[in-house]
Amino acid sequence: MQRTNLILIGMPASGKSTVGVILAKLIGYDFIDTDILIQRAEKKRLSEIIEDVGVDGFLEVEARVNASVEADHCVIATGGSAVYSEEAMRHLKKIGHVMYLNVGYETIRKRLGNIKRRGVVLREGQTLRDLYEERTALYKKYADTTIEEQGDVEDVVAHILKLMEKK
């Protein structure tokens, strides 16, 4: 399978789904949100899955779903914890160009609101700051391109479009 997809990774509330939908419309791609694929597969909301099977159980479900994504000419927004599965990330890198939407900690903190209701994978005793620092290293590890998110969604989309024109 060729790398015909654009894969968006980043922290929860970094704008992956919002940017992804707009980007897909502008370039004529389909849009896939892997969080929705997970909910559909498990017939539960993300927060319910985490509550029922715990963090490790959720990460196993997420890894399985992400590693099985088959797509062509799609913008794919992953869950923020997708980068915990090396197998899933290897698969996603094989089928697409991985773009990390890098957003500063304070912006993420303000955007997130209720972490539990949102279904964010947070281990016992782990703070949002801890999570941010842990994941940032993983996002950088897997990214083919890092998008420094500054400005609004339209600015981010415009930046991605300019990068695509250069390729």
Protein backbone atom coordinates (compact mmCIF):
# COMPACT_ATOMS: atom_id res chain seq x y z
CA MET A 1 0.00 0.00 0.00
CA GLN A 2 1.30 3.43 -0.90
CA ARG A 3 1.59 6.37 1.47
CA THR A 4 -1.43 8.20 0.06
CA ASN A 5 -2.91 9.31 3.39
CA LEU A 6 -2.21 12.19 5.75
CA ILE A 7 -2.07 11.05 9.37
CA LEU A 8 -2.53 13.67 12.10
CA ILE A 9 -1.05 13.03 15.54
CA GLY A 10 -0.86 15.24 18.61
CA MET A 11 -2.23 15.90 22.06
CA PRO A 12 -5.94 15.74 22.78
CA ALA A 13 -7.42 19.16 21.91
CA SER A 14 -4.61 19.92 19.46
CA GLY A 15 -7.19 20.23 16.68
CA LYS A 16 -6.52 16.99 14.78
CA SER A 17 -10.18 16.30 14.00
CA THR A 18 -11.08 19.90 13.23
CA VAL A 19 -8.04 20.44 11.01
CA GLY A 20 -8.55 17.00 9.47
CA VAL A 21 -12.14 17.62 8.37
CA ILE A 22 -11.31 20.98 6.79
CA LEU A 23 -8.15 19.66 5.14
CA ALA A 24 -9.97 16.63 3.72
CA LYS A 25 -12.65 18.86 2.19
CA LEU A 26 -10.07 21.16 0.61
CA ILE A 27 -7.96 18.42 -0.95
CA GLY A 28 -10.81 16.08 -1.87
CA TYR A 29 -9.87 13.28 0.55
CA ASP A 30 -12.11 11.30 2.86
CA PHE A 31 -11.78 11.86 6.60
CA ILE A 32 -11.31 9.17 9.26
CA ASP A 33 -11.27 9.77 13.01
CA THR A 34 -9.75 6.71 14.69
CA ASP A 35 -11.46 7.57 17.99
CA ILE A 36 -14.78 7.06 16.21
CA LEU A 37 -13.53 3.76 14.75
CA ILE A 38 -12.66 2.65 18.30
CA GLN A 39 -16.08 3.66 19.64
CA ARG A 40 -17.79 1.88 16.77
CA ALA A 41 -15.73 -1.30 17.29
CA GLU A 42 -16.39 -1.35 21.05
CA LYS A 43 -19.93 0.12 20.93
CA LYS A 44 -18.98 2.49 23.77
CA ARG A 45 -17.66 6.01 24.25
CA LEU A 46 -13.90 6.30 24.85
CA SER A 47 -14.40 7.27 28.49
CA GLU A 48 -16.58 4.18 29.02
CA ILE A 49 -13.96 1.90 27.48
CA ILE A 50 -11.27 3.33 29.77
CA GLU A 51 -13.60 2.95 32.74
CA ASP A 52 -14.45 -0.67 31.83
CA VAL A 53 -11.03 -2.08 30.83
CA GLY A 54 -8.60 0.44 32.30
CA VAL A 55 -5.83 2.37 30.59
CA ASP A 56 -3.87 -0.68 29.42
CA GLY A 57 -7.00 -2.36 28.06
CA PHE A 58 -7.94 0.80 26.19
CA LEU A 59 -4.44 1.11 24.71
CA GLU A 60 -4.70 -2.49 23.45
CA VAL A 61 -8.03 -1.75 21.75
CA GLU A 62 -6.66 1.48 20.26
CA ALA A 63 -3.51 -0.27 18.99
CA ARG A 64 -5.56 -3.03 17.35
CA VAL A 65 -7.90 -0.59 15.64
CA ASN A 66 -5.12 1.76 14.46
CA ALA A 67 -3.01 -1.13 13.15
CA SER A 68 -5.96 -2.33 11.08
CA VAL A 69 -6.84 0.95 9.34
CA GLU A 70 -6.98 0.42 5.58
CA ALA A 71 -7.43 3.68 3.71
CA ASP A 72 -6.49 5.42 0.50
CA HIS A 73 -6.44 9.19 -0.03
CA CYS A 74 -7.75 9.97 3.45
CA VAL A 75 -6.92 12.42 6.19
CA ILE A 76 -6.75 10.33 9.37
CA ALA A 77 -6.98 11.94 12.81
CA THR A 78 -5.68 9.64 15.53
CA GLY A 79 -6.37 9.68 19.22
CA GLY A 80 -3.73 11.41 21.30
CA SER A 81 -2.52 8.10 22.74
CA ALA A 82 -2.01 6.37 19.37
CA VAL A 83 1.74 6.90 19.70
CA TYR A 84 1.94 4.41 22.58
CA SER A 85 1.71 1.54 20.08
CA GLU A 86 4.84 1.08 17.99
CA GLU A 87 3.06 -1.49 15.81
CA ALA A 88 0.15 0.84 15.07
CA MET A 89 2.46 3.77 14.33
CA ARG A 90 4.59 1.63 12.00
CA HIS A 91 1.41 0.71 10.13
CA LEU A 92 0.19 4.32 9.95
CA LYS A 93 3.61 5.51 8.72
CA LYS A 94 3.47 2.81 6.04
CA ILE A 95 0.12 4.02 4.71
CA GLY A 96 0.59 7.77 5.12
CA HIS A 97 2.61 10.87 5.87
CA VAL A 98 2.49 11.53 9.63
CA MET A 99 2.04 15.15 10.69
CA TYR A 100 2.41 16.19 14.32
CA LEU A 101 0.23 19.15 15.31
CA ASN A 102 2.41 20.67 18.02
CA VAL A 103 0.47 22.89 20.41
CA GLY A 104 1.90 24.47 23.56
CA TYR A 105 1.02 23.06 26.97
CA GLU A 106 -0.94 26.11 28.18
CA THR A 107 -3.15 26.06 25.08
CA ILE A 108 -3.85 22.34 25.53
CA ARG A 109 -4.64 22.85 29.21
CA LYS A 110 -7.14 25.61 28.40
CA ARG A 111 -8.79 23.68 25.56
CA LEU A 112 -9.15 20.34 27.30
CA GLY A 113 -11.73 21.02 29.98
CA ASN A 114 -12.97 17.81 31.61
CA ILE A 115 -10.26 15.22 30.88
CA LYS A 116 -12.22 12.25 32.24
CA ARG A 117 -15.35 12.93 30.18
CA ARG A 118 -13.25 13.45 27.08
CA GLY A 119 -11.67 10.00 27.35
CA VAL A 120 -8.05 11.08 27.73
CA VAL A 121 -5.68 8.27 28.69
CA LEU A 122 -4.18 9.43 31.98
CA ARG A 123 -2.54 7.00 34.41
CA GLU A 124 -3.15 7.12 38.16
CA GLY A 125 -1.16 10.01 39.66
CA GLN A 126 -0.13 11.39 36.26
CA THR A 127 -0.67 15.10 35.69
CA LEU A 128 -1.56 16.71 32.40
CA ARG A 129 1.94 18.25 32.38
CA ASP A 130 3.48 14.77 32.82
CA LEU A 131 1.34 13.43 30.00
CA TYR A 132 2.25 16.33 27.72
CA GLU A 133 5.98 15.86 28.25
CA GLU A 134 5.81 12.07 27.86
CA ARG A 135 3.85 12.22 24.63
CA THR A 136 5.75 15.10 23.05
CA ALA A 137 8.82 12.89 22.71
CA LEU A 138 6.74 10.16 21.05
CA TYR A 139 5.03 12.56 18.65
CA LYS A 140 8.42 13.86 17.54
CA LYS A 141 9.71 10.30 17.16
CA TYR A 142 6.96 9.27 14.74
CA ALA A 143 6.33 12.53 12.86
CA ASP A 144 7.41 12.93 9.27
CA THR A 145 6.53 16.62 9.60
CA THR A 146 5.89 18.82 12.64
CA ILE A 147 3.37 21.61 12.32
CA GLU A 148 3.96 24.31 14.93
CA GLU A 149 0.39 25.30 15.59
CA GLN A 150 0.08 29.04 15.87
CA GLY A 151 -3.01 31.00 15.00
CA ASP A 152 -6.40 29.55 14.21
CA VAL A 153 -7.46 26.37 12.40
CA GLU A 154 -7.45 28.06 9.00
CA ASP A 155 -3.81 29.09 9.53
CA VAL A 156 -2.84 25.51 10.37
CA VAL A 157 -4.67 24.14 7.32
CA ALA A 158 -3.07 26.79 5.09
CA HIS A 159 0.37 25.86 6.44
CA ILE A 160 -0.23 22.15 5.70
CA LEU A 161 -1.46 23.00 2.18
CA LYS A 162 1.71 25.01 1.51
CA LEU A 163 3.84 22.07 2.66
CA MET A 164 1.90 19.73 0.37
CA GLU A 165 2.46 22.02 -2.63
CA LYS A 166 6.22 21.74 -2.13
CA LYS A 167 6.11 17.94 -2.42
